[in-house]
Amino acid sequence: RQVVRIGSRKPIDVRVRLVAATNVRLEQAVAAGHFRADLYYRLSVATLQLAPLAQRPGDILALAEHFIEVYSRRLGLTQVRLSAEARDALLSYAWPGNIRELENVIHYALIICRDGSIAREDLQLHAVARPGPAVVAPPAEAVAGEVLERVFERLFDEAPQALHARVESALIRAAYRHCHHNQVHTAALLGITRNVLRTQLKRLDLLPTARVAAPHVGHEMAHEPKVRLHAAA
């Protein structure tokens, strides 16, 4: 690809590969209007879901060795290694701060370690070590699905009239309120067009009513014909 600098006329050949990371669910952020949709679709070419470091124990020592190499060069150190006790401590730690915490722990250990070896005492680990493998929490989508199924079961037992219309109306109202009465964001969140949403909002009497400005009394009187009265002679 080619780009042209601001103020220049000469194109420059560039080869760029952009890698972006986030801990936010961007699909929901786009639907809520918190993240630009056009930027999301430009970035979303290949998406990878990474589990927390506590759920990837096989990556802990490899990442630790990588950070040892990086910060050893910066600090002018050579041939620094992890002791067996330090390795066990890294593997048994819960890592609530994820990879960034591991990086900082290794950086600090390299500053204070002696004789080219990182001991257990050099590792600044604050949280309680986990006694066993980390428990994987169910995805939020699965939890939400179970909650919805329980709610529907209760509704089925009550056997209300017009159940579909009742659920649809509640969904429209909740989504419209969640998006702060923004029709574009509500339609995107529900996966429907804005025209369909407006039809539903009109049915539920949720569309804002148009205001008609009252005539200005002084303005109207200014255009009324003036009548002069003459007293009889």
Protein backbone atom coordinates (compact mmCIF):
# COMPACT_ATOMS: atom_id res chain seq x y z
CA ARG A 1 0.00 0.00 0.00
CA GLN A 2 0.95 3.63 -0.38
CA VAL A 3 0.38 6.65 1.85
CA VAL A 4 0.96 10.33 1.30
CA ARG A 5 2.21 12.44 4.17
CA ILE A 6 0.34 15.59 5.05
CA GLY A 7 1.79 18.45 3.03
CA SER A 8 3.57 16.11 0.63
CA ARG A 9 2.73 14.91 -2.87
CA LYS A 10 5.03 11.92 -3.04
CA PRO A 11 3.51 8.54 -2.14
CA ILE A 12 5.44 6.23 0.17
CA ASP A 13 5.27 2.43 0.02
CA VAL A 14 4.40 0.89 3.39
CA ARG A 15 3.83 -2.61 4.72
CA VAL A 16 1.99 -2.59 8.02
CA ARG A 17 0.52 -5.35 10.16
CA LEU A 18 -1.52 -4.03 13.06
CA VAL A 19 -2.10 -6.19 16.15
CA ALA A 20 -4.58 -4.81 18.68
CA ALA A 21 -5.66 -6.25 22.02
CA THR A 22 -8.50 -5.43 24.38
CA ASN A 23 -10.31 -6.86 27.39
CA VAL A 24 -13.63 -5.34 26.25
CA ARG A 25 -16.27 -7.18 24.22
CA LEU A 26 -16.16 -4.90 21.19
CA GLU A 27 -19.38 -6.24 19.63
CA GLN A 28 -21.32 -5.08 22.68
CA ALA A 29 -19.37 -1.81 22.81
CA VAL A 30 -20.28 -1.10 19.18
CA ALA A 31 -23.95 -1.88 19.81
CA ALA A 32 -23.96 0.43 22.84
CA GLY A 33 -22.26 3.23 20.91
CA HIS A 34 -19.06 3.12 22.96
CA PHE A 35 -16.81 2.06 20.07
CA ARG A 36 -16.84 3.17 16.44
CA ALA A 37 -18.39 0.53 14.20
CA ASP A 38 -16.29 1.46 11.15
CA LEU A 39 -13.06 1.16 13.15
CA TYR A 40 -14.15 -2.20 14.56
CA TYR A 41 -14.80 -3.67 11.11
CA ARG A 42 -11.49 -2.32 9.81
CA LEU A 43 -9.58 -4.00 12.65
CA SER A 44 -11.58 -7.22 12.88
CA VAL A 45 -9.78 -9.29 10.23
CA ALA A 46 -8.56 -12.23 12.32
CA THR A 47 -9.77 -12.48 15.92
CA LEU A 48 -8.17 -14.62 18.62
CA GLN A 49 -9.69 -15.26 22.04
CA LEU A 50 -6.95 -15.64 24.67
CA ALA A 51 -7.67 -17.21 28.03
CA PRO A 52 -6.21 -15.63 31.20
CA LEU A 53 -2.65 -16.61 32.07
CA ALA A 54 -3.86 -18.67 35.04
CA GLN A 55 -5.63 -20.97 32.58
CA ARG A 56 -2.47 -21.35 30.43
CA PRO A 57 0.16 -22.73 32.82
CA GLY A 58 2.21 -24.01 29.90
CA ASP A 59 2.91 -20.42 28.82
CA ILE A 60 4.11 -19.12 32.20
CA LEU A 61 7.72 -20.27 32.12
CA ALA A 62 8.09 -19.52 28.40
CA LEU A 63 6.91 -15.95 28.97
CA ALA A 64 9.14 -15.63 32.03
CA GLU A 65 12.18 -16.67 30.00
CA HIS A 66 11.21 -14.15 27.30
CA PHE A 67 10.98 -11.29 29.81
CA ILE A 68 14.28 -12.36 31.38
CA GLU A 69 15.93 -12.06 27.97
CA VAL A 70 14.34 -8.66 27.22
CA TYR A 71 15.11 -6.98 30.53
CA SER A 72 18.54 -8.59 30.88
CA ARG A 73 19.60 -6.74 27.73
CA ARG A 74 18.21 -3.48 29.06
CA LEU A 75 19.92 -3.90 32.44
CA GLY A 76 23.21 -5.15 30.99
CA LEU A 77 22.93 -8.59 32.61
CA THR A 78 24.11 -11.89 31.16
CA GLN A 79 23.05 -15.51 31.70
CA VAL A 80 20.37 -14.99 34.34
CA ARG A 81 18.39 -18.12 35.13
CA LEU A 82 15.41 -19.13 37.25
CA SER A 83 16.00 -21.38 40.23
CA ALA A 84 13.87 -24.49 40.67
CA GLU A 85 12.06 -22.89 43.63
CA ALA A 86 11.32 -19.78 41.56
CA ARG A 87 9.91 -21.89 38.73
CA ASP A 88 7.60 -23.72 41.16
CA ALA A 89 6.46 -20.40 42.62
CA LEU A 90 5.64 -18.99 39.19
CA LEU A 91 3.64 -22.08 38.24
CA SER A 92 1.66 -22.16 41.50
CA TYR A 93 0.75 -18.47 41.44
CA ALA A 94 -2.78 -17.38 40.38
CA TRP A 95 -1.66 -14.34 38.28
CA PRO A 96 -4.63 -12.03 38.84
CA GLY A 97 -2.76 -9.31 36.90
CA ASN A 98 -2.21 -11.60 33.91
CA ILE A 99 0.85 -11.23 31.62
CA ARG A 100 1.54 -7.62 32.64
CA GLU A 101 1.96 -8.74 36.26
CA LEU A 102 4.35 -11.52 35.20
CA GLU A 103 6.41 -9.01 33.22
CA ASN A 104 6.70 -6.67 36.21
CA VAL A 105 7.57 -9.52 38.57
CA ILE A 106 10.44 -10.65 36.32
CA HIS A 107 11.67 -7.07 35.82
CA TYR A 108 11.81 -6.48 39.57
CA ALA A 109 13.47 -9.85 40.21
CA LEU A 110 16.25 -9.04 37.72
CA ILE A 111 16.97 -5.77 39.51
CA ILE A 112 17.45 -7.36 42.95
CA CYS A 113 18.74 -10.86 42.10
CA ARG A 114 22.33 -11.87 42.87
CA ASP A 115 24.84 -14.26 41.28
CA GLY A 116 22.89 -14.55 38.02
CA SER A 117 20.05 -16.54 39.58
CA ILE A 118 16.47 -15.53 40.42
CA ALA A 119 15.52 -17.09 43.74
CA ARG A 120 12.06 -17.59 45.18
CA GLU A 121 12.61 -14.63 47.48
CA ASP A 122 13.29 -12.34 44.50
CA LEU A 123 9.77 -12.81 43.15
CA GLN A 124 7.36 -10.14 44.36
CA LEU A 125 4.16 -12.21 44.39
CA HIS A 126 1.31 -10.53 46.26
CA ALA A 127 -1.73 -12.76 45.81
CA VAL A 128 -2.32 -16.15 47.39
CA ALA A 129 -0.95 -19.06 45.37
CA ARG A 130 -3.56 -21.43 44.01
CA PRO A 131 -3.45 -24.96 45.45
CA GLY A 132 -4.48 -26.56 42.18
CA PRO A 133 -5.48 -25.81 38.59
CA ALA A 134 -7.58 -22.75 38.03
CA VAL A 135 -11.33 -23.21 37.83
CA VAL A 136 -12.66 -22.11 34.48
CA ALA A 137 -15.77 -20.00 34.88
CA PRO A 138 -18.58 -20.59 32.39
CA PRO A 139 -18.82 -18.01 29.62
CA ALA A 140 -21.10 -15.05 30.28
CA GLU A 141 -23.25 -16.05 27.28
CA ALA A 142 -23.92 -19.47 28.81
CA VAL A 143 -24.90 -17.97 32.16
CA ALA A 144 -27.22 -15.46 30.49
CA GLY A 145 -28.79 -18.26 28.45
CA GLU A 146 -29.51 -20.31 31.56
CA VAL A 147 -31.10 -17.33 33.29
CA LEU A 148 -33.33 -16.68 30.25
CA GLU A 149 -34.40 -20.32 30.12
CA ARG A 150 -35.41 -20.23 33.80
CA VAL A 151 -37.42 -17.05 33.24
CA PHE A 152 -39.17 -18.59 30.24
CA GLU A 153 -39.99 -21.74 32.22
CA ARG A 154 -41.72 -19.61 34.84
CA LEU A 155 -43.64 -17.75 32.14
CA PHE A 156 -44.70 -21.04 30.54
CA ASP A 157 -46.02 -22.27 33.88
CA GLU A 158 -48.04 -19.10 34.35
CA ALA A 159 -49.44 -19.57 30.81
CA PRO A 160 -50.13 -15.88 30.18
CA GLN A 161 -52.07 -14.70 27.18
CA ALA A 162 -50.11 -13.38 24.19
CA LEU A 163 -46.78 -14.55 25.61
CA HIS A 164 -44.82 -13.71 22.46
CA ALA A 165 -46.07 -10.12 22.37
CA ARG A 166 -45.38 -9.74 26.09
CA VAL A 167 -41.77 -10.92 25.75
CA GLU A 168 -41.18 -8.86 22.62
CA SER A 169 -42.54 -5.70 24.24
CA ALA A 170 -40.37 -6.20 27.33
CA LEU A 171 -37.30 -6.76 25.14
CA ILE A 172 -37.93 -3.60 23.09
CA ARG A 173 -38.49 -1.49 26.20
CA ALA A 174 -35.38 -2.81 27.96
CA ALA A 175 -33.12 -2.35 24.92
CA TYR A 176 -34.47 1.16 24.25
CA ARG A 177 -33.86 2.14 27.86
CA HIS A 178 -30.39 0.53 27.86
CA CYS A 179 -29.38 2.59 24.79
CA HIS A 180 -30.68 5.81 26.37
CA HIS A 181 -33.53 6.06 23.82
CA ASN A 182 -31.12 6.11 20.87
CA GLN A 183 -32.92 4.42 17.97
CA VAL A 184 -29.78 3.65 15.91
CA HIS A 185 -28.00 1.96 18.82
CA THR A 186 -31.16 0.10 19.89
CA ALA A 187 -31.71 -1.28 16.39
CA ALA A 188 -28.07 -2.41 16.19
CA LEU A 189 -28.29 -4.05 19.61
CA LEU A 190 -31.42 -5.99 18.66
CA GLY A 191 -30.21 -6.84 15.16
CA ILE A 192 -33.18 -5.24 13.38
CA THR A 193 -33.56 -2.29 11.05
CA ARG A 194 -34.43 1.15 12.32
CA ASN A 195 -37.73 1.13 10.42
CA VAL A 196 -38.79 -2.09 12.15
CA LEU A 197 -37.75 -0.62 15.49
CA ARG A 198 -39.74 2.58 14.88
CA THR A 199 -42.82 0.49 14.11
CA GLN A 200 -42.41 -1.34 17.42
CA LEU A 201 -41.76 1.88 19.32
CA LYS A 202 -44.86 3.43 17.81
CA ARG A 203 -46.92 0.40 18.82
CA LEU A 204 -45.63 0.72 22.38
CA ASP A 205 -46.21 4.49 22.37
CA LEU A 206 -42.50 5.12 23.01
CA LEU A 207 -41.82 7.54 20.19
CA PRO A 208 -41.37 11.15 21.31
CA THR A 209 -44.30 13.34 20.36
CA ALA A 210 -43.65 16.32 18.12
CA ARG A 211 -44.04 19.68 19.81
CA VAL A 212 -46.02 22.42 18.08
CA ALA A 213 -44.82 25.89 18.95
CA ALA A 214 -47.54 28.21 20.27
CA PRO A 215 -48.02 31.44 18.32
CA HIS A 216 -46.34 34.46 19.80
CA VAL A 217 -49.06 36.83 20.93
CA GLY A 218 -47.02 39.97 20.43
CA HIS A 219 -45.99 38.88 16.96
CA GLU A 220 -49.56 38.23 15.86
CA MET A 221 -50.80 41.51 17.25
CA ALA A 222 -48.08 43.36 15.38
CA HIS A 223 -49.60 42.25 12.07
CA GLU A 224 -53.22 43.01 12.92
CA PRO A 225 -54.71 46.03 11.11
CA LYS A 226 -54.95 49.12 13.25
CA VAL A 227 -58.39 50.72 13.61
CA ARG A 228 -58.71 54.45 14.30
CA LEU A 229 -61.77 55.88 16.01
CA HIS A 230 -62.87 59.44 15.24
CA ALA A 231 -65.11 61.29 17.65
CA ALA A 232 -68.23 62.85 16.12
CA ALA A 233 -67.97 66.57 15.60
